[in-house]
Amino acid sequence: LGEAGAGQVTKACNQIVVAMTVQAVAEALTLAKKSGVDPAKVRSALLGGFAQSRVLEVHGQRILEGSFQPGFK
């Protein structure tokens, strides 16, 4: 990726994108639930569109299940 340290910067960039995407998924599913719309159906619909992502797929399912155990520390 470039000079020494470029990989660390790239990893930090990845973490920013992933963290913000997890937050967006949580907000979207919360909005659906509080609006009386089935969040599982919303997730399913979003997975079929431009919002589709691995984060929505994996973490969205965990949110629906109420499974908040960290995958790593």
N, C-alpha and C. Protein backbone atom coordinates (compact mmCIF):
# COMPACT_ATOMS: atom_id res chain seq x y z
N LEU A 1 0.81 -1.21 0.00
CA LEU A 1 0.00 0.00 0.00
C LEU A 1 0.84 1.26 0.00
N GLY A 2 2.12 1.12 0.26
CA GLY A 2 2.98 2.29 0.27
C GLY A 2 4.10 2.14 1.26
N GLU A 3 4.52 3.24 1.81
CA GLU A 3 5.62 3.28 2.76
C GLU A 3 5.26 2.56 4.05
N ALA A 4 6.27 2.38 4.90
CA ALA A 4 6.06 1.76 6.21
C ALA A 4 4.95 2.50 6.96
N GLY A 5 4.04 1.75 7.52
CA GLY A 5 2.92 2.34 8.27
C GLY A 5 1.64 2.45 7.45
N ALA A 6 1.75 2.32 6.13
CA ALA A 6 0.56 2.45 5.28
C ALA A 6 -0.47 1.37 5.58
N GLY A 7 0.00 0.18 5.91
CA GLY A 7 -0.93 -0.90 6.25
C GLY A 7 -1.70 -0.60 7.52
N GLN A 8 -1.03 0.01 8.50
CA GLN A 8 -1.72 0.38 9.75
C GLN A 8 -2.77 1.44 9.50
N VAL A 9 -2.46 2.39 8.64
CA VAL A 9 -3.44 3.43 8.30
C VAL A 9 -4.63 2.79 7.59
N THR A 10 -4.35 1.85 6.68
CA THR A 10 -5.42 1.17 5.96
C THR A 10 -6.31 0.39 6.93
N LYS A 11 -5.70 -0.29 7.91
CA LYS A 11 -6.47 -1.01 8.91
C LYS A 11 -7.35 -0.06 9.71
N ALA A 12 -6.83 1.09 10.08
CA ALA A 12 -7.63 2.08 10.81
C ALA A 12 -8.80 2.56 9.95
N CYS A 13 -8.56 2.77 8.67
CA CYS A 13 -9.64 3.18 7.75
C CYS A 13 -10.72 2.11 7.70
N ASN A 14 -10.30 0.85 7.63
CA ASN A 14 -11.25 -0.27 7.62
C ASN A 14 -12.10 -0.26 8.88
N GLN A 15 -11.47 -0.07 10.02
CA GLN A 15 -12.19 -0.08 11.29
C GLN A 15 -13.22 1.05 11.36
N ILE A 16 -12.89 2.20 10.81
CA ILE A 16 -13.84 3.31 10.78
C ILE A 16 -15.07 2.93 9.96
N VAL A 17 -14.85 2.39 8.77
CA VAL A 17 -15.96 2.02 7.89
C VAL A 17 -16.82 0.94 8.53
N VAL A 18 -16.20 -0.09 9.10
CA VAL A 18 -16.96 -1.16 9.71
C VAL A 18 -17.76 -0.65 10.91
N ALA A 19 -17.13 0.13 11.78
CA ALA A 19 -17.82 0.64 12.97
C ALA A 19 -19.02 1.51 12.59
N MET A 20 -18.84 2.37 11.61
CA MET A 20 -19.95 3.23 11.20
C MET A 20 -21.07 2.43 10.54
N THR A 21 -20.71 1.37 9.83
CA THR A 21 -21.72 0.54 9.18
C THR A 21 -22.51 -0.25 10.23
N VAL A 22 -21.83 -0.77 11.24
CA VAL A 22 -22.54 -1.46 12.32
C VAL A 22 -23.51 -0.49 12.98
N GLN A 23 -23.07 0.72 13.23
CA GLN A 23 -23.94 1.73 13.85
C GLN A 23 -25.14 2.02 12.96
N ALA A 24 -24.92 2.15 11.67
CA ALA A 24 -26.02 2.43 10.74
C ALA A 24 -27.03 1.30 10.71
N VAL A 25 -26.56 0.06 10.73
CA VAL A 25 -27.45 -1.10 10.75
C VAL A 25 -28.29 -1.08 12.03
N ALA A 26 -27.65 -0.84 13.16
CA ALA A 26 -28.37 -0.78 14.43
C ALA A 26 -29.43 0.32 14.41
N GLU A 27 -29.08 1.48 13.90
CA GLU A 27 -30.04 2.60 13.82
C GLU A 27 -31.21 2.26 12.91
N ALA A 28 -30.92 1.64 11.77
CA ALA A 28 -31.98 1.30 10.81
C ALA A 28 -32.95 0.28 11.41
N LEU A 29 -32.42 -0.74 12.05
CA LEU A 29 -33.30 -1.76 12.64
C LEU A 29 -34.08 -1.21 13.83
N THR A 30 -33.48 -0.30 14.57
CA THR A 30 -34.19 0.36 15.67
C THR A 30 -35.32 1.23 15.13
N LEU A 31 -35.05 1.98 14.08
CA LEU A 31 -36.08 2.81 13.46
C LEU A 31 -37.24 1.95 12.99
N ALA A 32 -36.93 0.84 12.34
CA ALA A 32 -37.99 -0.05 11.87
C ALA A 32 -38.85 -0.53 13.04
N LYS A 33 -38.19 -1.04 14.08
CA LYS A 33 -38.92 -1.58 15.23
C LYS A 33 -39.78 -0.52 15.90
N LYS A 34 -39.22 0.66 16.13
CA LYS A 34 -39.97 1.73 16.81
C LYS A 34 -41.08 2.29 15.94
N SER A 35 -41.00 2.04 14.64
CA SER A 35 -42.04 2.50 13.71
C SER A 35 -43.10 1.43 13.47
N GLY A 36 -42.94 0.29 14.12
CA GLY A 36 -43.92 -0.77 13.99
C GLY A 36 -43.73 -1.64 12.75
N VAL A 37 -42.54 -1.58 12.16
CA VAL A 37 -42.24 -2.40 10.99
C VAL A 37 -41.31 -3.52 11.44
N ASP A 38 -41.55 -4.72 10.95
CA ASP A 38 -40.76 -5.88 11.34
C ASP A 38 -39.30 -5.69 10.90
N PRO A 39 -38.37 -5.55 11.86
CA PRO A 39 -36.97 -5.32 11.51
C PRO A 39 -36.36 -6.47 10.70
N ALA A 40 -36.82 -7.70 10.92
CA ALA A 40 -36.30 -8.84 10.14
C ALA A 40 -36.67 -8.69 8.67
N LYS A 41 -37.88 -8.22 8.41
CA LYS A 41 -38.31 -8.00 7.03
C LYS A 41 -37.55 -6.84 6.41
N VAL A 42 -37.29 -5.80 7.20
CA VAL A 42 -36.50 -4.66 6.70
C VAL A 42 -35.10 -5.13 6.33
N ARG A 43 -34.48 -5.91 7.22
CA ARG A 43 -33.14 -6.44 6.94
C ARG A 43 -33.14 -7.25 5.65
N SER A 44 -34.12 -8.11 5.52
CA SER A 44 -34.22 -8.94 4.32
C SER A 44 -34.34 -8.09 3.06
N ALA A 45 -35.17 -7.06 3.12
CA ALA A 45 -35.33 -6.17 1.97
C ALA A 45 -34.04 -5.43 1.66
N LEU A 46 -33.36 -4.95 2.69
CA LEU A 46 -32.12 -4.21 2.49
C LEU A 46 -31.02 -5.09 1.91
N LEU A 47 -31.03 -6.37 2.28
CA LEU A 47 -30.03 -7.29 1.75
C LEU A 47 -30.18 -7.49 0.24
N GLY A 48 -31.35 -7.17 -0.30
CA GLY A 48 -31.59 -7.31 -1.73
C GLY A 48 -31.32 -6.04 -2.51
N GLY A 49 -30.84 -5.01 -1.84
CA GLY A 49 -30.61 -3.73 -2.51
C GLY A 49 -29.19 -3.22 -2.31
N PHE A 50 -29.02 -1.95 -2.58
CA PHE A 50 -27.71 -1.32 -2.53
C PHE A 50 -27.13 -1.26 -1.12
N ALA A 51 -27.97 -1.40 -0.09
CA ALA A 51 -27.49 -1.38 1.29
C ALA A 51 -26.88 -2.72 1.71
N GLN A 52 -26.96 -3.71 0.83
CA GLN A 52 -26.43 -5.04 1.16
C GLN A 52 -24.96 -4.95 1.54
N SER A 53 -24.61 -5.62 2.64
CA SER A 53 -23.22 -5.68 3.07
C SER A 53 -23.04 -6.87 3.99
N ARG A 54 -21.82 -7.25 4.17
CA ARG A 54 -21.51 -8.34 5.11
C ARG A 54 -21.90 -7.94 6.53
N VAL A 55 -21.73 -6.66 6.85
CA VAL A 55 -22.10 -6.18 8.18
C VAL A 55 -23.61 -6.32 8.39
N LEU A 56 -24.41 -5.92 7.41
CA LEU A 56 -25.86 -6.07 7.51
C LEU A 56 -26.24 -7.54 7.61
N GLU A 57 -25.57 -8.36 6.86
CA GLU A 57 -25.86 -9.79 6.86
C GLU A 57 -25.57 -10.41 8.23
N VAL A 58 -24.35 -10.22 8.72
CA VAL A 58 -23.91 -10.88 9.95
C VAL A 58 -24.37 -10.14 11.20
N HIS A 59 -24.01 -8.89 11.32
CA HIS A 59 -24.35 -8.14 12.54
C HIS A 59 -25.84 -7.81 12.60
N GLY A 60 -26.46 -7.62 11.45
CA GLY A 60 -27.90 -7.40 11.44
C GLY A 60 -28.64 -8.59 12.04
N GLN A 61 -28.21 -9.80 11.68
CA GLN A 61 -28.82 -11.00 12.25
C GLN A 61 -28.56 -11.09 13.74
N ARG A 62 -27.36 -10.76 14.15
CA ARG A 62 -27.04 -10.79 15.59
C ARG A 62 -27.90 -9.79 16.36
N ILE A 63 -28.11 -8.63 15.79
CA ILE A 63 -28.97 -7.62 16.43
C ILE A 63 -30.38 -8.16 16.57
N LEU A 64 -30.91 -8.76 15.52
CA LEU A 64 -32.26 -9.33 15.56
C LEU A 64 -32.37 -10.40 16.63
N GLU A 65 -31.31 -11.17 16.82
CA GLU A 65 -31.31 -12.26 17.81
C GLU A 65 -31.01 -11.76 19.22
N GLY A 66 -30.59 -10.50 19.36
CA GLY A 66 -30.21 -9.98 20.66
C GLY A 66 -28.89 -10.56 21.14
N SER A 67 -28.05 -10.97 20.21
CA SER A 67 -26.76 -11.57 20.54
C SER A 67 -25.68 -10.50 20.44
N PHE A 68 -25.22 -10.03 21.59
CA PHE A 68 -24.28 -8.92 21.61
C PHE A 68 -22.92 -9.31 22.20
N GLN A 69 -22.61 -10.60 22.16
CA GLN A 69 -21.31 -11.05 22.63
C GLN A 69 -20.24 -10.60 21.64
N PRO A 70 -19.14 -10.02 22.15
CA PRO A 70 -18.09 -9.58 21.23
C PRO A 70 -17.43 -10.77 20.53
N GLY A 71 -17.06 -10.56 19.29
CA GLY A 71 -16.36 -11.60 18.54
C GLY A 71 -14.89 -11.63 18.86
N PHE A 72 -14.37 -10.52 19.33
CA PHE A 72 -12.97 -10.41 19.72
C PHE A 72 -12.84 -9.21 20.64
N LYS A 73 -11.72 -9.12 21.31
CA LYS A 73 -11.48 -8.00 22.23
C LYS A 73 -10.21 -7.30 21.84
